[in-house]
Amino acid sequence: MSISLNSPWEDSERRPHLHTGPSRIHALSSIGKPLVLVLRDGMVLHLPLLAVGPFDLLLGWPGNEVLVHLHAITF
């Protein structure tokens, strides 16, 4: 099996991600605060924000975390 270099899985520019601009600064200032997120499948999460990555969010409490990819969130 070969993967082409144009695969969307290899091209980080095609994946939803937080830039280093104001949206990332706002997200980082929200760490520890409760968030309400609606996922594409209709699930609603009411959890505190633990960490922000370039492609995902870590929600929940230490020892009971939930990793949510940005492409799973309905904006």
N, C-alpha and C. Protein backbone atom coordinates (compact mmCIF):
# COMPACT_ATOMS: atom_id res chain seq x y z
N MET A 1 0.84 -1.17 0.00
CA MET A 1 0.00 0.00 0.00
C MET A 1 0.89 1.23 0.00
N SER A 2 0.56 2.18 -0.84
CA SER A 2 1.34 3.41 -0.88
C SER A 2 0.43 4.59 -0.56
N ILE A 3 1.02 5.61 0.01
CA ILE A 3 0.28 6.82 0.35
C ILE A 3 0.84 7.94 -0.52
N SER A 4 -0.03 8.61 -1.22
CA SER A 4 0.43 9.69 -2.07
C SER A 4 0.84 10.89 -1.22
N LEU A 5 1.74 11.68 -1.74
CA LEU A 5 2.18 12.86 -1.01
C LEU A 5 1.10 13.92 -0.91
N ASN A 6 0.05 13.78 -1.72
CA ASN A 6 -1.05 14.73 -1.68
C ASN A 6 -2.20 14.28 -0.78
N SER A 7 -1.95 13.25 0.02
CA SER A 7 -2.97 12.74 0.92
C SER A 7 -3.36 13.81 1.94
N PRO A 8 -4.66 14.03 2.20
CA PRO A 8 -5.06 15.02 3.19
C PRO A 8 -4.58 14.68 4.59
N TRP A 9 -4.28 13.41 4.85
CA TRP A 9 -3.80 13.03 6.17
C TRP A 9 -2.38 13.50 6.41
N GLU A 10 -1.64 13.74 5.34
CA GLU A 10 -0.26 14.20 5.48
C GLU A 10 -0.16 15.71 5.37
N ASP A 11 -1.16 16.36 4.88
CA ASP A 11 -1.11 17.79 4.64
C ASP A 11 -1.78 18.52 5.80
N SER A 12 -0.98 19.03 6.74
CA SER A 12 -1.55 19.67 7.93
C SER A 12 -2.33 20.93 7.58
N GLU A 13 -2.11 21.52 6.42
CA GLU A 13 -2.85 22.72 6.04
C GLU A 13 -4.32 22.41 5.76
N ARG A 14 -4.64 21.18 5.46
CA ARG A 14 -6.03 20.80 5.17
C ARG A 14 -6.79 20.41 6.42
N ARG A 15 -6.10 20.13 7.51
CA ARG A 15 -6.75 19.73 8.74
C ARG A 15 -7.11 20.97 9.55
N PRO A 16 -8.26 20.96 10.25
CA PRO A 16 -8.58 22.10 11.11
C PRO A 16 -7.51 22.24 12.18
N HIS A 17 -7.01 23.43 12.37
CA HIS A 17 -6.01 23.65 13.41
C HIS A 17 -6.08 25.09 13.89
N LEU A 18 -5.54 25.31 15.09
CA LEU A 18 -5.50 26.64 15.66
C LEU A 18 -4.22 27.33 15.23
N HIS A 19 -4.35 28.51 14.71
CA HIS A 19 -3.19 29.30 14.35
C HIS A 19 -2.61 29.93 15.62
N THR A 20 -1.47 30.55 15.49
CA THR A 20 -0.85 31.19 16.65
C THR A 20 -1.40 32.59 16.89
N GLY A 21 -2.45 32.95 16.19
CA GLY A 21 -3.04 34.28 16.32
C GLY A 21 -4.00 34.40 17.48
N PRO A 22 -4.93 35.32 17.38
CA PRO A 22 -5.86 35.62 18.48
C PRO A 22 -6.72 34.43 18.93
N SER A 23 -7.12 33.54 18.00
CA SER A 23 -7.96 32.41 18.41
C SER A 23 -7.21 31.48 19.36
N ARG A 24 -5.93 31.26 19.11
CA ARG A 24 -5.14 30.39 20.01
C ARG A 24 -4.92 31.07 21.36
N ILE A 25 -4.67 32.38 21.35
CA ILE A 25 -4.49 33.10 22.61
C ILE A 25 -5.77 33.06 23.43
N HIS A 26 -6.92 33.22 22.77
CA HIS A 26 -8.20 33.15 23.46
C HIS A 26 -8.42 31.74 24.03
N ALA A 27 -8.09 30.71 23.24
CA ALA A 27 -8.26 29.34 23.71
C ALA A 27 -7.37 29.07 24.92
N LEU A 28 -6.13 29.55 24.88
CA LEU A 28 -5.23 29.34 26.01
C LEU A 28 -5.71 30.07 27.26
N SER A 29 -6.36 31.22 27.09
CA SER A 29 -6.87 31.94 28.26
C SER A 29 -8.11 31.25 28.85
N SER A 30 -8.68 30.29 28.13
CA SER A 30 -9.86 29.58 28.60
C SER A 30 -9.52 28.29 29.34
N ILE A 31 -8.24 27.98 29.50
CA ILE A 31 -7.85 26.75 30.20
C ILE A 31 -8.37 26.78 31.63
N GLY A 32 -8.99 25.68 32.04
CA GLY A 32 -9.57 25.57 33.36
C GLY A 32 -11.02 25.98 33.43
N LYS A 33 -11.51 26.66 32.40
CA LYS A 33 -12.90 27.10 32.38
C LYS A 33 -13.78 26.04 31.70
N PRO A 34 -15.02 25.91 32.14
CA PRO A 34 -15.91 24.93 31.50
C PRO A 34 -16.29 25.36 30.09
N LEU A 35 -16.34 24.39 29.19
CA LEU A 35 -16.75 24.63 27.80
C LEU A 35 -17.97 23.79 27.49
N VAL A 36 -18.74 24.25 26.56
CA VAL A 36 -19.84 23.46 26.00
C VAL A 36 -19.53 23.32 24.52
N LEU A 37 -19.29 22.08 24.08
CA LEU A 37 -18.98 21.81 22.68
C LEU A 37 -20.04 20.89 22.09
N VAL A 38 -20.44 21.17 20.87
CA VAL A 38 -21.35 20.30 20.13
C VAL A 38 -20.52 19.60 19.05
N LEU A 39 -20.51 18.28 19.10
CA LEU A 39 -19.76 17.50 18.12
C LEU A 39 -20.61 17.21 16.90
N ARG A 40 -19.95 16.84 15.82
CA ARG A 40 -20.65 16.57 14.56
C ARG A 40 -21.71 15.49 14.67
N ASP A 41 -21.50 14.54 15.58
CA ASP A 41 -22.47 13.45 15.73
C ASP A 41 -23.64 13.83 16.64
N GLY A 42 -23.66 15.10 17.11
CA GLY A 42 -24.75 15.57 17.94
C GLY A 42 -24.47 15.49 19.43
N MET A 43 -23.39 14.86 19.83
CA MET A 43 -23.04 14.77 21.25
C MET A 43 -22.66 16.15 21.77
N VAL A 44 -23.12 16.46 22.97
CA VAL A 44 -22.80 17.73 23.61
C VAL A 44 -21.92 17.45 24.82
N LEU A 45 -20.77 18.10 24.88
CA LEU A 45 -19.84 17.93 25.99
C LEU A 45 -19.84 19.18 26.86
N HIS A 46 -19.96 19.01 28.17
CA HIS A 46 -19.87 20.09 29.15
C HIS A 46 -18.70 19.75 30.05
N LEU A 47 -17.50 20.16 29.67
CA LEU A 47 -16.29 19.80 30.41
C LEU A 47 -15.32 20.97 30.46
N PRO A 48 -14.46 21.02 31.50
CA PRO A 48 -13.45 22.07 31.55
C PRO A 48 -12.32 21.79 30.55
N LEU A 49 -11.74 22.87 30.04
CA LEU A 49 -10.62 22.77 29.10
C LEU A 49 -9.32 22.56 29.88
N LEU A 50 -8.58 21.50 29.53
CA LEU A 50 -7.30 21.21 30.20
C LEU A 50 -6.10 21.69 29.39
N ALA A 51 -6.15 21.49 28.06
CA ALA A 51 -5.01 21.85 27.22
C ALA A 51 -5.48 22.07 25.80
N VAL A 52 -4.68 22.84 25.06
CA VAL A 52 -4.97 23.16 23.66
C VAL A 52 -3.79 22.72 22.81
N GLY A 53 -4.06 21.89 21.82
CA GLY A 53 -3.04 21.48 20.87
C GLY A 53 -3.33 22.10 19.51
N PRO A 54 -2.44 21.90 18.56
CA PRO A 54 -2.68 22.49 17.24
C PRO A 54 -3.86 21.87 16.49
N PHE A 55 -4.20 20.61 16.80
CA PHE A 55 -5.28 19.91 16.08
C PHE A 55 -6.37 19.38 17.00
N ASP A 56 -6.26 19.60 18.32
CA ASP A 56 -7.22 19.01 19.23
C ASP A 56 -7.27 19.76 20.55
N LEU A 57 -8.28 19.40 21.36
CA LEU A 57 -8.46 19.97 22.69
C LEU A 57 -8.50 18.82 23.69
N LEU A 58 -7.96 19.05 24.87
CA LEU A 58 -8.03 18.08 25.95
C LEU A 58 -8.99 18.63 26.99
N LEU A 59 -10.07 17.89 27.24
CA LEU A 59 -11.13 18.32 28.15
C LEU A 59 -11.24 17.35 29.31
N GLY A 60 -11.90 17.78 30.36
CA GLY A 60 -12.18 16.89 31.48
C GLY A 60 -11.40 17.28 32.72
N TRP A 61 -11.05 16.26 33.52
CA TRP A 61 -10.33 16.45 34.77
C TRP A 61 -9.10 15.55 34.74
N PRO A 62 -8.03 15.91 35.43
CA PRO A 62 -6.83 15.05 35.45
C PRO A 62 -7.19 13.62 35.86
N GLY A 63 -6.77 12.68 35.05
CA GLY A 63 -7.09 11.27 35.27
C GLY A 63 -8.38 10.84 34.58
N ASN A 64 -9.14 11.79 34.07
CA ASN A 64 -10.40 11.49 33.39
C ASN A 64 -10.56 12.45 32.21
N GLU A 65 -9.59 12.37 31.27
CA GLU A 65 -9.53 13.30 30.15
C GLU A 65 -10.26 12.77 28.92
N VAL A 66 -10.69 13.70 28.09
CA VAL A 66 -11.30 13.39 26.80
C VAL A 66 -10.56 14.20 25.75
N LEU A 67 -10.05 13.54 24.72
CA LEU A 67 -9.36 14.21 23.61
C LEU A 67 -10.37 14.45 22.50
N VAL A 68 -10.53 15.71 22.10
CA VAL A 68 -11.49 16.06 21.05
C VAL A 68 -10.73 16.70 19.90
N HIS A 69 -10.78 16.08 18.74
CA HIS A 69 -10.13 16.63 17.55
C HIS A 69 -10.96 17.81 17.05
N LEU A 70 -10.31 18.84 16.56
CA LEU A 70 -11.01 20.03 16.10
C LEU A 70 -11.99 19.74 14.98
N HIS A 71 -11.66 18.76 14.11
CA HIS A 71 -12.57 18.47 13.01
C HIS A 71 -13.86 17.79 13.48
N ALA A 72 -13.92 17.37 14.74
CA ALA A 72 -15.13 16.74 15.27
C ALA A 72 -16.11 17.75 15.85
N ILE A 73 -15.68 19.02 15.97
CA ILE A 73 -16.51 20.05 16.58
C ILE A 73 -17.32 20.77 15.51
N THR A 74 -18.61 21.01 15.80
CA THR A 74 -19.45 21.81 14.91
C THR A 74 -19.24 23.27 15.26
N PHE A 75 -18.84 24.05 14.28
CA PHE A 75 -18.61 25.48 14.50
C PHE A 75 -19.76 26.28 13.97
